[in-house]
C-alpha atoms as a PDB file:
ATOM      1  CA  MET A   1     137.087  58.277 -95.370  1.00  0.00           C
ATOM      2  CA  ASN A   2     137.961  59.483 -98.862  1.00  0.00           C
ATOM      3  CA  GLY A   3     136.505  62.923 -98.145  1.00  0.00           C
ATOM      4  CA  LEU A   4     138.635  63.316 -95.031  1.00  0.00           C
ATOM      5  CA  GLU A   5     141.673  61.995 -96.876  1.00  0.00           C
ATOM      6  CA  ALA A   6     141.226  64.714 -99.505  1.00  0.00           C
ATOM      7  CA  GLU A   7     140.517  67.386 -96.879  1.00  0.00           C
ATOM      8  CA  PHE A   8     143.684  66.616 -94.925  1.00  0.00           C
ATOM      9  CA  ALA A   9     145.877  65.934 -97.986  1.00  0.00           C
ATOM     10  CA  GLY A  10     149.465  66.920 -97.304  1.00  0.00           C
ATOM     11  CA  ALA A  11     148.899  67.003 -93.544  1.00  0.00           C
ATOM     12  CA  VAL A  12     147.828  63.410 -92.949  1.00  0.00           C
ATOM     13  CA  ALA A  13     149.097  60.194 -94.516  1.00  0.00           C
ATOM     14  CA  VAL A  14     146.464  57.522 -95.099  1.00  0.00           C
ATOM     15  CA  LEU A  15     147.373  53.868 -95.536  1.00  0.00           C
ATOM     16  CA  GLN A  16     144.807  51.244 -96.409  1.00  0.00           C
ATOM     17  CA  LEU A  17     145.861  47.664 -95.803  1.00  0.00           C
ATOM     18  CA  ASN A  18     144.269  44.430 -96.922  1.00  0.00           C
ATOM     19  CA  ALA A  19     144.174  42.061 -93.932  1.00  0.00           C
ATOM     20  CA  ALA A  20     144.319  39.078 -96.287  1.00  0.00           C
ATOM     21  CA  GLU A  21     147.768  40.034 -97.593  1.00  0.00           C
ATOM     22  CA  PRO A  22     150.579  38.347 -95.616  1.00  0.00           C
ATOM     23  CA  GLU A  23     152.934  41.320 -96.043  1.00  0.00           C
ATOM     24  CA  ASN A  24     150.541  43.483 -93.986  1.00  0.00           C
ATOM     25  CA  LEU A  25     150.393  41.195 -90.949  1.00  0.00           C
ATOM     26  CA  ALA A  26     153.487  42.598 -89.202  1.00  0.00           C
ATOM     27  CA  LEU A  27     152.237  46.182 -89.457  1.00  0.00           C
ATOM     28  CA  MET A  28     148.785  45.183 -88.251  1.00  0.00           C
ATOM     29  CA  GLU A  29     150.325  43.354 -85.294  1.00  0.00           C
ATOM     30  CA  ALA A  30     152.568  46.319 -84.473  1.00  0.00           C
ATOM     31  CA  TYR A  31     149.546  48.631 -84.231  1.00  0.00           C
ATOM     32  CA  GLY A  32     147.331  46.158 -82.384  1.00  0.00           C
ATOM     33  CA  VAL A  33     144.827  45.615 -85.177  1.00  0.00           C
ATOM     34  CA  ARG A  34     142.807  42.574 -84.137  1.00  0.00           C
ATOM     35  CA  GLY A  35     139.624  42.898 -86.187  1.00  0.00           C
ATOM     36  CA  HIS A  36     138.381  44.588 -89.295  1.00  0.00           C
ATOM     37  CA  PRO A  37     137.468  46.989 -90.509  1.00  0.00           C
ATOM     38  CA  ALA A  38     139.935  48.772 -88.270  1.00  0.00           C
ATOM     39  CA  LEU A  39     141.349  52.258 -88.189  1.00  0.00           C
ATOM     40  CA  VAL A  40     144.407  53.447 -86.278  1.00  0.00           C
ATOM     41  CA  VAL A  41     145.282  57.128 -85.885  1.00  0.00           C
ATOM     42  CA  VAL A  42     149.020  57.601 -85.326  1.00  0.00           C
ATOM     43  CA  ASP A  43     150.312  60.986 -84.181  1.00  0.00           C
ATOM     44  CA  GLU A  44     153.339  62.847 -85.516  1.00  0.00           C
ATOM     45  CA  ASN A  45     155.520  61.087 -82.918  1.00  0.00           C
ATOM     46  CA  GLY A  46     154.493  57.632 -84.096  1.00  0.00           C
ATOM     47  CA  ARG A  47     152.255  56.963 -81.079  1.00  0.00           C
ATOM     48  CA  VAL A  48     148.777  55.509 -81.415  1.00  0.00           C
ATOM     49  CA  ALA A  49     146.361  58.378 -80.723  1.00  0.00           C
ATOM     50  CA  ALA A  50     143.167  56.384 -81.364  1.00  0.00           C
ATOM     51  CA  ARG A  51     142.139  52.894 -82.397  1.00  0.00           C
ATOM     52  CA  PHE A  52     138.748  51.849 -83.791  1.00  0.00           C
ATOM     53  CA  VAL A  53     137.280  48.530 -84.899  1.00  0.00           C
ATOM     54  CA  GLY A  54     134.131  48.564 -86.974  1.00  0.00           C
ATOM     55  CA  VAL A  55     132.455  51.362 -88.862  1.00  0.00           C
ATOM     56  CA  ILE A  56     132.857  54.800 -87.269  1.00  0.00           C
ATOM     57  CA  GLU A  57     131.125  58.108 -87.845  1.00  0.00           C
ATOM     58  CA  GLU A  58     132.996  60.792 -89.790  1.00  0.00           C
ATOM     59  CA  ALA A  59     132.727  63.211 -86.839  1.00  0.00           C
ATOM     60  CA  VAL A  60     134.436  60.705 -84.527  1.00  0.00           C
ATOM     61  CA  LEU A  61     137.248  60.162 -87.014  1.00  0.00           C
ATOM     62  CA  ARG A  62     137.631  63.904 -87.568  1.00  0.00           C
ATOM     63  CA  GLU A  63     137.944  64.460 -83.803  1.00  0.00           C
ATOM     64  CA  ALA A  64     140.574  61.714 -83.546  1.00  0.00           C
ATOM     65  CA  VAL A  65     142.606  63.209 -86.408  1.00  0.00           C
ATOM     66  CA  MET A  66     142.309  66.788 -85.149  1.00  0.00           C
ATOM     67  CA  GLY A  67     143.159  65.816 -81.557  1.00  0.00           C
ATOM     68  CA  ASP A  68     142.075  67.667 -78.465  1.00  0.00           C
ATOM     69  CA  GLY A  69     144.377  70.628 -79.005  1.00  0.00           C
ATOM     70  CA  ASN A  70     146.936  69.509 -76.418  1.00  0.00           C
END
């Protein structure tokens, strides 16, 4: 994750939330985070482009961030 965060610096914002912190619950609920670890990719229009629960491969995350070109 950190490697991709550095690679896409300036083009992608990365937020890491602690599920145990009460102030994060509303945001997690808003994006449908039900388990952890979880990762939500939100597009430039604020829509959820991808949602993952559990550990994911870097290639899968990269594809979700890059989109399908449409």
